[in-house]
Amino acid sequence: MASVHYEIVEHDGGWAYKVGDVYPETYSTHDEARNAAERAAAEQQVPGETTAIEYQDEDGRWHDEVARGQDRPATDVKG
């Protein structure tokens, strides 16, 4: 199972959560950033529909797969 980690950090004169190297937006307080991270983490775990997907890999090859709607990542919030 995949894992998504949300980390609360100081960013651009305020607070933000980051996932990997991505900062969605900056908040005025640590609590606002943590609340936003907890909402985003909860949304990651909501099951969706099973659907066919098509994507191109870094070598330019196309792939067809079935994305199971129940295959959701584990999430956590730190900081």
PDB file of N, CA and C in Angstrom:
ATOM      1  N   MET A   1       0.839  -1.172   0.000  1.00  0.00           N
ATOM      2  CA  MET A   1       0.000   0.000   0.000  1.00  0.00           C
ATOM      3  C   MET A   1       0.891   1.245   0.000  1.00  0.00           C
ATOM      4  N   ALA A   2       0.524   2.209  -0.795  1.00  0.00           N
ATOM      5  CA  ALA A   2       1.252   3.474  -0.863  1.00  0.00           C
ATOM      6  C   ALA A   2       0.999   4.299   0.397  1.00  0.00           C
ATOM      7  N   SER A   3       1.930   5.169   0.707  1.00  0.00           N
ATOM      8  CA  SER A   3       1.788   6.082   1.845  1.00  0.00           C
ATOM      9  C   SER A   3       2.003   7.504   1.372  1.00  0.00           C
ATOM     10  N   VAL A   4       1.209   8.428   1.915  1.00  0.00           N
ATOM     11  CA  VAL A   4       1.356   9.851   1.632  1.00  0.00           C
ATOM     12  C   VAL A   4       1.588  10.538   2.968  1.00  0.00           C
ATOM     13  N   HIS A   5       2.704  11.271   3.077  1.00  0.00           N
ATOM     14  CA  HIS A   5       3.077  11.930   4.324  1.00  0.00           C
ATOM     15  C   HIS A   5       2.937  13.442   4.173  1.00  0.00           C
ATOM     16  N   TYR A   6       2.184  14.041   5.058  1.00  0.00           N
ATOM     17  CA  TYR A   6       1.997  15.488   5.107  1.00  0.00           C
ATOM     18  C   TYR A   6       2.827  16.014   6.271  1.00  0.00           C
ATOM     19  N   GLU A   7       3.659  17.015   6.000  1.00  0.00           N
ATOM     20  CA  GLU A   7       4.525  17.572   7.036  1.00  0.00           C
ATOM     21  C   GLU A   7       4.253  19.067   7.163  1.00  0.00           C
ATOM     22  N   ILE A   8       4.037  19.548   8.389  1.00  0.00           N
ATOM     23  CA  ILE A   8       3.803  20.958   8.647  1.00  0.00           C
ATOM     24  C   ILE A   8       5.156  21.637   8.831  1.00  0.00           C
ATOM     25  N   VAL A   9       5.406  22.707   8.047  1.00  0.00           N
ATOM     26  CA  VAL A   9       6.696  23.403   8.082  1.00  0.00           C
ATOM     27  C   VAL A   9       6.484  24.909   7.936  1.00  0.00           C
ATOM     28  N   GLU A  10       7.479  25.680   8.373  1.00  0.00           N
ATOM     29  CA  GLU A  10       7.473  27.121   8.113  1.00  0.00           C
ATOM     30  C   GLU A  10       7.768  27.324   6.633  1.00  0.00           C
ATOM     31  N   HIS A  11       7.010  28.266   6.007  1.00  0.00           N
ATOM     32  CA  HIS A  11       7.167  28.458   4.565  1.00  0.00           C
ATOM     33  C   HIS A  11       6.664  29.842   4.166  1.00  0.00           C
ATOM     34  N   ASP A  12       7.475  30.584   3.430  1.00  0.00           N
ATOM     35  CA  ASP A  12       7.106  31.903   2.893  1.00  0.00           C
ATOM     36  C   ASP A  12       6.503  32.837   3.937  1.00  0.00           C
ATOM     37  N   GLY A  13       7.115  32.895   5.107  1.00  0.00           N
ATOM     38  CA  GLY A  13       6.657  33.812   6.147  1.00  0.00           C
ATOM     39  C   GLY A  13       5.439  33.331   6.912  1.00  0.00           C
ATOM     40  N   GLY A  14       5.057  32.099   6.723  1.00  0.00           N
ATOM     41  CA  GLY A  14       3.912  31.530   7.432  1.00  0.00           C
ATOM     42  C   GLY A  14       4.130  30.049   7.638  1.00  0.00           C
ATOM     43  N   TRP A  15       3.058  29.297   7.531  1.00  0.00           N
ATOM     44  CA  TRP A  15       3.105  27.848   7.730  1.00  0.00           C
ATOM     45  C   TRP A  15       2.445  27.159   6.545  1.00  0.00           C
ATOM     46  N   ALA A  16       2.928  25.976   6.238  1.00  0.00           N
ATOM     47  CA  ALA A  16       2.357  25.204   5.142  1.00  0.00           C
ATOM     48  C   ALA A  16       2.500  23.729   5.466  1.00  0.00           C
ATOM     49  N   TYR A  17       1.735  22.935   4.748  1.00  0.00           N
ATOM     50  CA  TYR A  17       2.025  21.514   4.771  1.00  0.00           C
ATOM     51  C   TYR A  17       2.677  21.193   3.444  1.00  0.00           C
ATOM     52  N   LYS A  18       3.527  20.195   3.465  1.00  0.00           N
ATOM     53  CA  LYS A  18       4.150  19.778   2.217  1.00  0.00           C
ATOM     54  C   LYS A  18       4.013  18.276   2.072  1.00  0.00           C
ATOM     55  N   VAL A  19       3.952  17.862   0.832  1.00  0.00           N
ATOM     56  CA  VAL A  19       3.924  16.451   0.474  1.00  0.00           C
ATOM     57  C   VAL A  19       5.081  16.277  -0.498  1.00  0.00           C
ATOM     58  N   GLY A  20       6.117  15.570  -0.058  1.00  0.00           N
ATOM     59  CA  GLY A  20       7.336  15.511  -0.867  1.00  0.00           C
ATOM     60  C   GLY A  20       7.948  16.899  -0.907  1.00  0.00           C
ATOM     61  N   ASP A  21       8.100  17.455  -2.098  1.00  0.00           N
ATOM     62  CA  ASP A  21       8.648  18.810  -2.260  1.00  0.00           C
ATOM     63  C   ASP A  21       7.585  19.817  -2.667  1.00  0.00           C
ATOM     64  N   VAL A  22       6.305  19.470  -2.503  1.00  0.00           N
ATOM     65  CA  VAL A  22       5.203  20.327  -2.954  1.00  0.00           C
ATOM     66  C   VAL A  22       4.550  21.014  -1.759  1.00  0.00           C
ATOM     67  N   TYR A  23       4.372  22.350  -1.876  1.00  0.00           N
ATOM     68  CA  TYR A  23       3.706  23.166  -0.874  1.00  0.00           C
ATOM     69  C   TYR A  23       2.425  23.724  -1.504  1.00  0.00           C
ATOM     70  N   PRO A  24       1.243  23.188  -1.187  1.00  0.00           N
ATOM     71  CA  PRO A  24       0.021  23.667  -1.838  1.00  0.00           C
ATOM     72  C   PRO A  24      -0.275  25.149  -1.600  1.00  0.00           C
ATOM     73  N   GLU A  25      -0.186  25.627  -0.380  1.00  0.00           N
ATOM     74  CA  GLU A  25      -0.354  27.050  -0.102  1.00  0.00           C
ATOM     75  C   GLU A  25       0.164  27.358   1.288  1.00  0.00           C
ATOM     76  N   THR A  26       0.318  28.643   1.586  1.00  0.00           N
ATOM     77  CA  THR A  26       0.835  29.082   2.881  1.00  0.00           C
ATOM     78  C   THR A  26      -0.310  29.594   3.738  1.00  0.00           C
ATOM     79  N   TYR A  27      -0.262  29.296   5.037  1.00  0.00           N
ATOM     80  CA  TYR A  27      -1.280  29.713   6.000  1.00  0.00           C
ATOM     81  C   TYR A  27      -0.638  30.612   7.046  1.00  0.00           C
ATOM     82  N   SER A  28      -1.458  31.411   7.700  1.00  0.00           N
ATOM     83  CA  SER A  28      -0.959  32.348   8.710  1.00  0.00           C
ATOM     84  C   SER A  28      -0.461  31.656   9.963  1.00  0.00           C
ATOM     85  N   THR A  29      -1.116  30.565  10.344  1.00  0.00           N
ATOM     86  CA  THR A  29      -0.750  29.901  11.596  1.00  0.00           C
ATOM     87  C   THR A  29      -0.471  28.411  11.369  1.00  0.00           C
ATOM     88  N   HIS A  30       0.240  27.869  12.338  1.00  0.00           N
ATOM     89  CA  HIS A  30       0.527  26.428  12.328  1.00  0.00           C
ATOM     90  C   HIS A  30      -0.778  25.631  12.367  1.00  0.00           C
ATOM     91  N   ASP A  31      -1.718  26.066  13.206  1.00  0.00           N
ATOM     92  CA  ASP A  31      -2.994  25.349  13.329  1.00  0.00           C
ATOM     93  C   ASP A  31      -3.766  25.322  12.011  1.00  0.00           C
ATOM     94  N   GLU A  32      -3.774  26.441  11.286  1.00  0.00           N
ATOM     95  CA  GLU A  32      -4.464  26.468   9.985  1.00  0.00           C
ATOM     96  C   GLU A  32      -3.821  25.481   9.011  1.00  0.00           C
ATOM     97  N   ALA A  33      -2.501  25.458   8.988  1.00  0.00           N
ATOM     98  CA  ALA A  33      -1.792  24.535   8.097  1.00  0.00           C
ATOM     99  C   ALA A  33      -2.059  23.088   8.497  1.00  0.00           C
ATOM    100  N   ARG A  34      -2.058  22.814   9.791  1.00  0.00           N
ATOM    101  CA  ARG A  34      -2.322  21.445  10.255  1.00  0.00           C
ATOM    102  C   ARG A  34      -3.745  21.023   9.923  1.00  0.00           C
ATOM    103  N   ASN A  35      -4.714  21.896  10.132  1.00  0.00           N
ATOM    104  CA  ASN A  35      -6.104  21.572   9.798  1.00  0.00           C
ATOM    105  C   ASN A  35      -6.250  21.281   8.309  1.00  0.00           C
ATOM    106  N   ALA A  36      -5.602  22.082   7.473  1.00  0.00           N
ATOM    107  CA  ALA A  36      -5.659  21.865   6.017  1.00  0.00           C
ATOM    108  C   ALA A  36      -5.019  20.532   5.660  1.00  0.00           C
ATOM    109  N   ALA A  37      -3.899  20.203   6.289  1.00  0.00           N
ATOM    110  CA  ALA A  37      -3.218  18.932   6.027  1.00  0.00           C
ATOM    111  C   ALA A  37      -4.092  17.750   6.458  1.00  0.00           C
ATOM    112  N   GLU A  38      -4.739  17.878   7.595  1.00  0.00           N
ATOM    113  CA  GLU A  38      -5.606  16.795   8.066  1.00  0.00           C
ATOM    114  C   GLU A  38      -6.802  16.596   7.128  1.00  0.00           C
ATOM    115  N   ARG A  39      -7.369  17.691   6.600  1.00  0.00           N
ATOM    116  CA  ARG A  39      -8.466  17.571   5.627  1.00  0.00           C
ATOM    117  C   ARG A  39      -7.976  16.882   4.350  1.00  0.00           C
ATOM    118  N   ALA A  40      -6.818  17.318   3.851  1.00  0.00           N
ATOM    119  CA  ALA A  40      -6.273  16.728   2.621  1.00  0.00           C
ATOM    120  C   ALA A  40      -5.950  15.244   2.830  1.00  0.00           C
ATOM    121  N   ALA A  41      -5.381  14.902   3.979  1.00  0.00           N
ATOM    122  CA  ALA A  41      -5.045  13.515   4.273  1.00  0.00           C
ATOM    123  C   ALA A  41      -6.308  12.653   4.339  1.00  0.00           C
ATOM    124  N   ALA A  42      -7.361  13.184   4.936  1.00  0.00           N
ATOM    125  CA  ALA A  42      -8.623  12.438   5.021  1.00  0.00           C
ATOM    126  C   ALA A  42      -9.226  12.232   3.630  1.00  0.00           C
ATOM    127  N   GLU A  43      -9.149  13.254   2.772  1.00  0.00           N
ATOM    128  CA  GLU A  43      -9.684  13.142   1.415  1.00  0.00           C
ATOM    129  C   GLU A  43      -8.931  12.100   0.594  1.00  0.00           C
ATOM    130  N   GLN A  44      -7.646  11.927   0.856  1.00  0.00           N
ATOM    131  CA  GLN A  44      -6.847  10.925   0.149  1.00  0.00           C
ATOM    132  C   GLN A  44      -7.358   9.514   0.405  1.00  0.00           C
ATOM    133  N   GLN A  45      -8.007   9.314   1.548  1.00  0.00           N
ATOM    134  CA  GLN A  45      -8.442   7.975   1.936  1.00  0.00           C
ATOM    135  C   GLN A  45      -9.866   7.647   1.499  1.00  0.00           C
ATOM    136  N   VAL A  46     -10.575   8.604   0.907  1.00  0.00           N
ATOM    137  CA  VAL A  46     -11.946   8.365   0.476  1.00  0.00           C
ATOM    138  C   VAL A  46     -11.940   7.489  -0.772  1.00  0.00           C
ATOM    139  N   PRO A  47     -12.648   6.367  -0.725  1.00  0.00           N
ATOM    140  CA  PRO A  47     -12.681   5.502  -1.904  1.00  0.00           C
ATOM    141  C   PRO A  47     -13.399   6.170  -3.068  1.00  0.00           C
ATOM    142  N   GLY A  48     -13.024   5.771  -4.252  1.00  0.00           N
ATOM    143  CA  GLY A  48     -13.646   6.299  -5.451  1.00  0.00           C
ATOM    144  C   GLY A  48     -14.177   5.160  -6.298  1.00  0.00           C
ATOM    145  N   GLU A  49     -14.369   5.425  -7.561  1.00  0.00           N
ATOM    146  CA  GLU A  49     -14.865   4.415  -8.483  1.00  0.00           C
ATOM    147  C   GLU A  49     -13.694   3.681  -9.137  1.00  0.00           C
ATOM    148  N   THR A  50     -13.900   2.431  -9.442  1.00  0.00           N
ATOM    149  CA  THR A  50     -12.919   1.690 -10.233  1.00  0.00           C
ATOM    150  C   THR A  50     -13.068   2.165 -11.672  1.00  0.00           C
ATOM    151  N   THR A  51     -11.951   2.538 -12.282  1.00  0.00           N
ATOM    152  CA  THR A  51     -12.013   3.099 -13.629  1.00  0.00           C
ATOM    153  C   THR A  51     -10.760   2.739 -14.429  1.00  0.00           C
ATOM    154  N   ALA A  52     -10.911   2.749 -15.721  1.00  0.00           N
ATOM    155  CA  ALA A  52      -9.759   2.535 -16.600  1.00  0.00           C
ATOM    156  C   ALA A  52      -8.975   3.836 -16.709  1.00  0.00           C
ATOM    157  N   ILE A  53      -7.649   3.739 -16.675  1.00  0.00           N
ATOM    158  CA  ILE A  53      -6.794   4.918 -16.849  1.00  0.00           C
ATOM    159  C   ILE A  53      -5.769   4.634 -17.936  1.00  0.00           C
ATOM    160  N   GLU A  54      -5.311   5.697 -18.546  1.00  0.00           N
ATOM    161  CA  GLU A  54      -4.278   5.612 -19.565  1.00  0.00           C
ATOM    162  C   GLU A  54      -3.239   6.662 -19.211  1.00  0.00           C
ATOM    163  N   TYR A  55      -1.964   6.290 -19.271  1.00  0.00           N
ATOM    164  CA  TYR A  55      -0.913   7.258 -18.963  1.00  0.00           C
ATOM    165  C   TYR A  55       0.324   6.969 -19.787  1.00  0.00           C
ATOM    166  N   GLN A  56       1.150   8.007 -19.918  1.00  0.00           N
ATOM    167  CA  GLN A  56       2.400   7.902 -20.662  1.00  0.00           C
ATOM    168  C   GLN A  56       3.551   7.909 -19.665  1.00  0.00           C
ATOM    169  N   ASP A  57       4.476   6.956 -19.795  1.00  0.00           N
ATOM    170  CA  ASP A  57       5.602   6.907 -18.874  1.00  0.00           C
ATOM    171  C   ASP A  57       6.720   7.841 -19.353  1.00  0.00           C
ATOM    172  N   GLU A  58       7.786   7.913 -18.578  1.00  0.00           N
ATOM    173  CA  GLU A  58       8.879   8.845 -18.893  1.00  0.00           C
ATOM    174  C   GLU A  58       9.612   8.484 -20.178  1.00  0.00           C
ATOM    175  N   ASP A  59       9.441   7.261 -20.665  1.00  0.00           N
ATOM    176  CA  ASP A  59      10.051   6.858 -21.936  1.00  0.00           C
ATOM    177  C   ASP A  59       9.122   7.078 -23.126  1.00  0.00           C
ATOM    178  N   GLY A  60       7.950   7.671 -22.872  1.00  0.00           N
ATOM    179  CA  GLY A  60       7.017   7.975 -23.954  1.00  0.00           C
ATOM    180  C   GLY A  60       6.079   6.841 -24.325  1.00  0.00           C
ATOM    181  N   ARG A  61       6.120   5.733 -23.580  1.00  0.00           N
ATOM    182  CA  ARG A  61       5.227   4.604 -23.860  1.00  0.00           C
ATOM    183  C   ARG A  61       3.901   4.794 -23.129  1.00  0.00           C
ATOM    184  N   TRP A  62       2.818   4.408 -23.797  1.00  0.00           N
ATOM    185  CA  TRP A  62       1.488   4.517 -23.221  1.00  0.00           C
ATOM    186  C   TRP A  62       1.095   3.212 -22.553  1.00  0.00           C
ATOM    187  N   HIS A  63       0.376   3.321 -21.441  1.00  0.00           N
ATOM    188  CA  HIS A  63      -0.069   2.160 -20.664  1.00  0.00           C
ATOM    189  C   HIS A  63      -1.555   2.295 -20.359  1.00  0.00           C
ATOM    190  N   ASP A  64      -2.262   1.180 -20.370  1.00  0.00           N
ATOM    191  CA  ASP A  64      -3.662   1.101 -19.952  1.00  0.00           C
ATOM    192  C   ASP A  64      -3.723   0.247 -18.700  1.00  0.00           C
ATOM    193  N   GLU A  65      -4.398   0.753 -17.683  1.00  0.00           N
ATOM    194  CA  GLU A  65      -4.545   0.014 -16.431  1.00  0.00           C
ATOM    195  C   GLU A  65      -5.942   0.235 -15.872  1.00  0.00           C
ATOM    196  N   VAL A  66      -6.283  -0.543 -14.888  1.00  0.00           N
ATOM    197  CA  VAL A  66      -7.519  -0.346 -14.144  1.00  0.00           C
ATOM    198  C   VAL A  66      -7.137   0.154 -12.757  1.00  0.00           C
ATOM    199  N   ALA A  67      -7.653   1.319 -12.390  1.00  0.00           N
ATOM    200  CA  ALA A  67      -7.404   1.884 -11.067  1.00  0.00           C
ATOM    201  C   ALA A  67      -8.575   1.500 -10.172  1.00  0.00           C
ATOM    202  N   ARG A  68      -8.293   0.694  -9.173  1.00  0.00           N
ATOM    203  CA  ARG A  68      -9.340   0.273  -8.246  1.00  0.00           C
ATOM    204  C   ARG A  68      -9.696   1.429  -7.316  1.00  0.00           C
ATOM    205  N   GLY A  69     -10.944   1.711  -7.179  1.00  0.00           N
ATOM    206  CA  GLY A  69     -11.403   2.807  -6.338  1.00  0.00           C
ATOM    207  C   GLY A  69     -11.161   2.583  -4.865  1.00  0.00           C
ATOM    208  N   GLN A  70     -10.966   1.336  -4.470  1.00  0.00           N
ATOM    209  CA  GLN A  70     -10.733   1.021  -3.058  1.00  0.00           C
ATOM    210  C   GLN A  70      -9.247   1.034  -2.695  1.00  0.00           C
ATOM    211  N   ASP A  71      -8.364   1.209  -3.681  1.00  0.00           N
ATOM    212  CA  ASP A  71      -6.920   1.163  -3.475  1.00  0.00           C
ATOM    213  C   ASP A  71      -6.420   2.546  -3.079  1.00  0.00           C
ATOM    214  N   ARG A  72      -6.604   2.924  -1.841  1.00  0.00           N
ATOM    215  CA  ARG A  72      -6.253   4.264  -1.362  1.00  0.00           C
ATOM    216  C   ARG A  72      -4.989   4.217  -0.516  1.00  0.00           C
ATOM    217  N   PRO A  73      -4.209   5.280  -0.510  1.00  0.00           N
ATOM    218  CA  PRO A  73      -2.961   5.282   0.276  1.00  0.00           C
ATOM    219  C   PRO A  73      -3.217   5.469   1.761  1.00  0.00           C
ATOM    220  N   ALA A  74      -2.281   5.035   2.551  1.00  0.00           N
ATOM    221  CA  ALA A  74      -2.264   5.369   3.976  1.00  0.00           C
ATOM    222  C   ALA A  74      -1.731   6.793   4.082  1.00  0.00           C
ATOM    223  N   THR A  75      -2.227   7.582   5.016  1.00  0.00           N
ATOM    224  CA  THR A  75      -1.767   8.965   5.166  1.00  0.00           C
ATOM    225  C   THR A  75      -1.419   9.250   6.617  1.00  0.00           C
ATOM    226  N   ASP A  76      -0.550  10.234   6.815  1.00  0.00           N
ATOM    227  CA  ASP A  76      -0.275  10.736   8.167  1.00  0.00           C
ATOM    228  C   ASP A  76       0.135  12.189   8.088  1.00  0.00           C
ATOM    229  N   VAL A  77      -0.009  12.883   9.206  1.00  0.00           N
ATOM    230  CA  VAL A  77       0.360  14.299   9.309  1.00  0.00           C
ATOM    231  C   VAL A  77       1.363  14.434  10.436  1.00  0.00           C
ATOM    232  N   LYS A  78       2.503  15.081  10.150  1.00  0.00           N
ATOM    233  CA  LYS A  78       3.548  15.279  11.152  1.00  0.00           C
ATOM    234  C   LYS A  78       3.823  16.772  11.318  1.00  0.00           C
ATOM    235  N   GLY A  79       4.094  17.146  12.559  1.00  0.00           N
ATOM    236  CA  GLY A  79       4.489  18.527  12.805  1.00  0.00           C
ATOM    237  C   GLY A  79       3.396  19.361  13.414  1.00  0.00           C
TER     238      GLY A  79
END
